[in-house]
N, C-alpha and C. Protein backbone atom coordinates (compact mmCIF):
# COMPACT_ATOMS: atom_id res chain seq x y z
N MET A 1 1.06 -1.18 0.12
CA MET A 1 0.05 0.11 -0.02
C MET A 1 1.02 1.38 0.18
N GLN A 2 1.92 1.30 0.73
CA GLN A 2 2.63 2.23 0.87
C GLN A 2 3.62 2.30 -0.23
N SER A 3 3.52 1.63 -0.76
CA SER A 3 4.62 1.87 -2.17
C SER A 3 3.67 2.41 -3.66
N LEU A 4 2.19 2.31 -3.23
CA LEU A 4 1.44 2.67 -4.00
C LEU A 4 0.97 4.27 -3.63
N GLY A 5 1.56 4.46 -2.63
CA GLY A 5 1.02 5.72 -2.23
C GLY A 5 -0.40 5.89 -1.36
N LEU A 6 -0.65 4.53 -1.16
CA LEU A 6 -1.94 4.53 -0.60
C LEU A 6 -1.94 4.33 1.07
N PRO A 7 -2.68 5.09 1.76
CA PRO A 7 -2.69 4.92 3.07
C PRO A 7 -2.79 3.78 3.63
N ILE A 8 -2.58 2.91 4.88
CA ILE A 8 -2.62 1.52 5.12
C ILE A 8 -3.89 1.30 6.15
N SER A 9 -5.15 1.57 5.45
CA SER A 9 -6.33 2.04 6.21
C SER A 9 -7.50 1.47 5.17
N ALA A 10 -8.63 1.70 5.42
CA ALA A 10 -9.81 1.24 5.34
C ALA A 10 -9.88 2.21 3.96
N GLN A 11 -9.53 3.25 4.39
CA GLN A 11 -9.57 4.66 3.13
C GLN A 11 -8.94 3.99 1.87
N GLY A 12 -7.50 3.63 2.10
CA GLY A 12 -6.70 3.20 1.08
C GLY A 12 -7.29 2.04 0.59
N ILE A 13 -7.70 0.95 1.10
CA ILE A 13 -8.30 -0.27 0.59
C ILE A 13 -9.25 0.50 -0.61
N ASP A 14 -10.50 1.28 -0.05
CA ASP A 14 -11.61 1.86 -0.84
C ASP A 14 -10.63 2.59 -2.12
N LYS A 15 -9.80 3.51 -1.86
CA LYS A 15 -9.05 4.18 -3.10
C LYS A 15 -8.74 2.93 -4.32
N LEU A 16 -8.02 1.90 -3.66
CA LEU A 16 -7.28 0.71 -4.65
C LEU A 16 -8.54 0.46 -5.22
N HIS A 17 -9.25 0.09 -4.49
CA HIS A 17 -10.85 -0.69 -5.52
C HIS A 17 -11.24 0.24 -6.51
N ASN A 18 -11.34 1.44 -6.03
CA ASN A 18 -11.58 2.59 -7.33
C ASN A 18 -11.31 2.80 -8.22
N VAL A 19 -9.79 2.61 -8.36
CA VAL A 19 -9.14 2.48 -9.50
C VAL A 19 -8.87 1.22 -10.05
N LEU A 20 -9.33 0.18 -10.16
CA LEU A 20 -9.57 -1.09 -10.75
C LEU A 20 -10.56 -1.09 -11.78
N PRO A 21 -10.28 -1.52 -13.05
CA PRO A 21 -11.54 -2.10 -13.90
C PRO A 21 -12.32 -2.63 -13.23
N ALA A 22 -13.89 -2.28 -13.80
CA ALA A 22 -15.14 -2.37 -12.94
C ALA A 22 -15.31 -3.98 -12.92
N GLN A 23 -14.99 -4.88 -13.70
CA GLN A 23 -15.07 -6.60 -13.36
C GLN A 23 -13.86 -7.13 -12.29
N LEU A 24 -13.28 -6.55 -12.43
CA LEU A 24 -12.09 -7.05 -11.07
C LEU A 24 -12.63 -6.02 -10.03
N GLN A 25 -13.15 -4.87 -9.90
CA GLN A 25 -13.53 -4.23 -8.47
C GLN A 25 -14.21 -5.37 -8.04
N LYS A 26 -15.40 -5.97 -8.63
CA LYS A 26 -16.29 -6.61 -7.95
C LYS A 26 -15.73 -7.65 -7.37
N GLN A 27 -14.64 -8.34 -8.37
CA GLN A 27 -14.20 -9.62 -7.35
C GLN A 27 -12.92 -9.23 -6.22
N VAL A 28 -12.36 -8.39 -6.50
CA VAL A 28 -11.30 -7.69 -5.52
C VAL A 28 -12.54 -7.79 -4.44
N GLN A 29 -13.15 -7.04 -4.41
CA GLN A 29 -14.30 -6.63 -3.24
C GLN A 29 -14.91 -7.57 -2.33
N GLN A 30 -15.25 -9.01 -3.25
CA GLN A 30 -15.86 -10.05 -2.87
C GLN A 30 -14.98 -10.85 -2.07
N GLN A 31 -13.40 -10.81 -2.34
CA GLN A 31 -12.39 -11.42 -1.99
C GLN A 31 -11.89 -10.57 -0.67
N TRP A 32 -11.99 -9.52 -0.51
CA TRP A 32 -11.20 -8.74 0.39
C TRP A 32 -12.67 -9.05 1.38
N SER A 33 -14.19 -8.70 1.31
CA SER A 33 -14.88 -9.11 2.36
C SER A 33 -14.90 -10.68 2.57
N GLN A 34 -14.76 -11.35 1.90
CA GLN A 34 -14.25 -12.80 2.48
C GLN A 34 -13.11 -12.82 3.58
N LEU A 35 -11.93 -12.20 2.97
CA LEU A 35 -10.90 -12.64 3.94
C LEU A 35 -11.15 -11.92 5.32
N GLU A 36 -11.76 -10.65 5.32
CA GLU A 36 -12.26 -9.39 6.60
C GLU A 36 -12.89 -10.56 7.35
N SER A 37 -14.03 -11.45 6.74
CA SER A 37 -14.64 -11.93 7.55
C SER A 37 -14.09 -13.64 8.23
N LEU A 38 -12.95 -13.99 7.71
CA LEU A 38 -12.17 -15.05 7.91
C LEU A 38 -11.33 -14.71 9.16
N ILE A 39 -10.74 -13.04 8.81
CA ILE A 39 -10.01 -13.09 9.93
C ILE A 39 -10.81 -12.68 11.07
N LYS A 40 -12.21 -12.11 11.27
CA LYS A 40 -12.80 -11.75 12.36
C LYS A 40 -13.26 -13.42 13.00
N GLN A 41 -13.36 -14.30 12.26
CA GLN A 41 -13.59 -15.41 12.65
C GLN A 41 -12.43 -16.43 13.43
N CYS A 42 -11.01 -15.84 12.91
CA CYS A 42 -9.88 -16.39 13.59
C CYS A 42 -9.57 -15.70 14.45
N HIS A 43 -10.23 -14.28 14.66
CA HIS A 43 -9.66 -13.71 16.23
C HIS A 43 -10.86 -14.08 16.80
N VAL A 44 -12.09 -14.25 16.80
CA VAL A 44 -13.06 -15.43 17.85
C VAL A 44 -12.60 -16.11 18.33
N LEU A 45 -12.16 -17.03 17.24
CA LEU A 45 -11.85 -18.42 17.67
C LEU A 45 -10.32 -18.46 18.59
N ASN A 46 -9.47 -17.75 18.20
CA ASN A 46 -8.17 -17.59 18.96
C ASN A 46 -8.58 -17.10 20.43
N GLN A 47 -9.53 -16.14 20.42
CA GLN A 47 -10.03 -15.69 21.98
C GLN A 47 -10.38 -16.66 22.67
N ARG A 48 -11.29 -17.52 22.07
CA ARG A 48 -11.76 -18.60 22.75
C ARG A 48 -10.83 -19.66 23.16
N ASN A 49 -9.72 -19.97 22.34
CA ASN A 49 -9.05 -20.90 22.62
C ASN A 49 -7.90 -20.40 23.61
N GLY A 50 -7.62 -19.39 23.62
CA GLY A 50 -6.94 -18.87 24.74
C GLY A 50 -7.62 -19.27 26.36
N VAL A 51 -9.00 -18.58 26.18
CA VAL A 51 -9.78 -18.70 27.50
C VAL A 51 -9.79 -20.47 27.94
N LEU A 52 -10.16 -21.38 26.66
CA LEU A 52 -9.88 -22.72 27.28
C LEU A 52 -8.41 -23.25 27.43
N SER A 53 -7.87 -22.69 26.92
CA SER A 53 -6.43 -23.23 27.21
C SER A 53 -5.94 -22.92 28.70
N ALA A 54 -6.28 -21.43 29.22
CA ALA A 54 -6.10 -20.93 30.54
C ALA A 54 -6.99 -21.78 31.51
N ASN A 55 -8.35 -22.03 31.04
CA ASN A 55 -8.81 -23.04 32.01
C ASN A 55 -8.62 -23.97 32.03
N PHE A 56 -7.97 -25.00 30.94
CA PHE A 56 -7.41 -26.56 31.07
C PHE A 56 -5.93 -26.22 32.05
N THR A 57 -5.62 -25.21 32.19
CA THR A 57 -3.95 -25.11 32.86
C THR A 57 -4.68 -24.90 34.20
N GLU A 58 -5.67 -24.24 34.46
CA GLU A 58 -6.06 -24.16 36.18
C GLU A 58 -6.55 -25.47 36.66
N LEU A 59 -7.22 -26.23 35.63
CA LEU A 59 -7.91 -27.35 36.07
C LEU A 59 -6.61 -28.73 36.25
N LEU A 60 -5.49 -28.72 35.22
CA LEU A 60 -4.51 -29.45 35.63
C LEU A 60 -3.76 -28.76 36.81
N CYS A 61 -3.68 -27.81 37.52
CA CYS A 61 -2.99 -27.19 38.27
C CYS A 61 -3.73 -27.89 39.56
N GLN A 62 -5.11 -27.75 39.48
CA GLN A 62 -5.95 -28.07 40.39
C GLN A 62 -5.80 -29.61 40.73
N LEU A 63 -5.34 -30.53 39.86
CA LEU A 63 -5.68 -31.72 39.76
C LEU A 63 -4.42 -32.31 40.14
N TYR A 64 -2.99 -31.63 40.02
CA TYR A 64 -1.81 -31.81 40.24
C TYR A 64 -1.48 -31.57 41.82
N GLU A 65 -1.77 -30.19 41.98
CA GLU A 65 -1.24 -29.64 43.27
C GLU A 65 -2.23 -28.42 43.73
N PRO A 66 -3.67 -28.94 44.43
CA PRO A 66 -4.57 -28.19 44.48
C PRO A 66 -4.27 -26.66 45.08
N GLU A 67 -2.93 -26.52 46.08
CA GLU A 67 -2.73 -25.58 46.54
C GLU A 67 -1.68 -24.43 45.92
N ALA A 68 -0.86 -24.99 44.52
CA ALA A 68 -0.18 -24.33 43.71
C ALA A 68 -1.05 -23.43 43.03
N LYS A 69 -0.28 -22.04 43.08
CA LYS A 69 -1.15 -20.88 42.24
C LYS A 69 -0.26 -20.73 40.71
N SER A 70 0.66 -21.55 40.46
CA SER A 70 1.25 -21.08 39.32
C SER A 70 1.56 -22.39 38.64
N LEU A 71 1.46 -22.47 37.33
CA LEU A 71 1.92 -23.37 36.23
C LEU A 71 3.59 -23.90 36.71
N TYR A 72 4.01 -22.70 36.71
CA TYR A 72 5.77 -22.70 37.20
C TYR A 72 6.10 -23.68 38.39
N ALA A 73 5.15 -23.92 39.08
CA ALA A 73 5.51 -24.37 40.08
C ALA A 73 5.68 -25.92 40.11
N PHE A 74 5.18 -26.31 38.75
CA PHE A 74 5.25 -27.96 38.32
C PHE A 74 6.71 -28.17 37.18
N PRO A 75 7.65 -27.96 37.69
CA PRO A 75 8.88 -28.12 36.48
C PRO A 75 8.69 -29.37 35.34
N HIS A 76 8.11 -30.33 36.18
CA HIS A 76 7.65 -31.64 35.15
C HIS A 76 6.57 -31.44 34.14
N LEU A 77 5.95 -30.30 34.46
CA LEU A 77 4.82 -30.20 32.90
C LEU A 77 5.76 -29.30 31.95
N MET A 78 6.72 -28.69 32.49
CA MET A 78 7.36 -28.21 31.34
C MET A 78 8.47 -28.73 30.24
N GLN A 79 8.35 -29.82 30.69
CA GLN A 79 9.41 -30.66 30.03
C GLN A 79 9.03 -31.13 28.62
N ASP A 80 9.75 -31.25 27.61
CA ASP A 80 9.13 -32.12 26.38
C ASP A 80 9.05 -33.28 26.90
């Protein structure tokens, strides 16, 4: 985007789309919308995965040492 002299923003993308031939504009807009949707889905799934991972870690800690407060209290869990 920078090498084209366009801002790295939604406005820059809009400007890029506007200079494309009409048939290509439609195709690129559809692909861009699909990419945007997939990125949003990935973000939601990554957030959920982080929560599940933290919950699982807490559960393991409670099972192995109910009084432990930190994963690092279990060096055997950190080994390969």
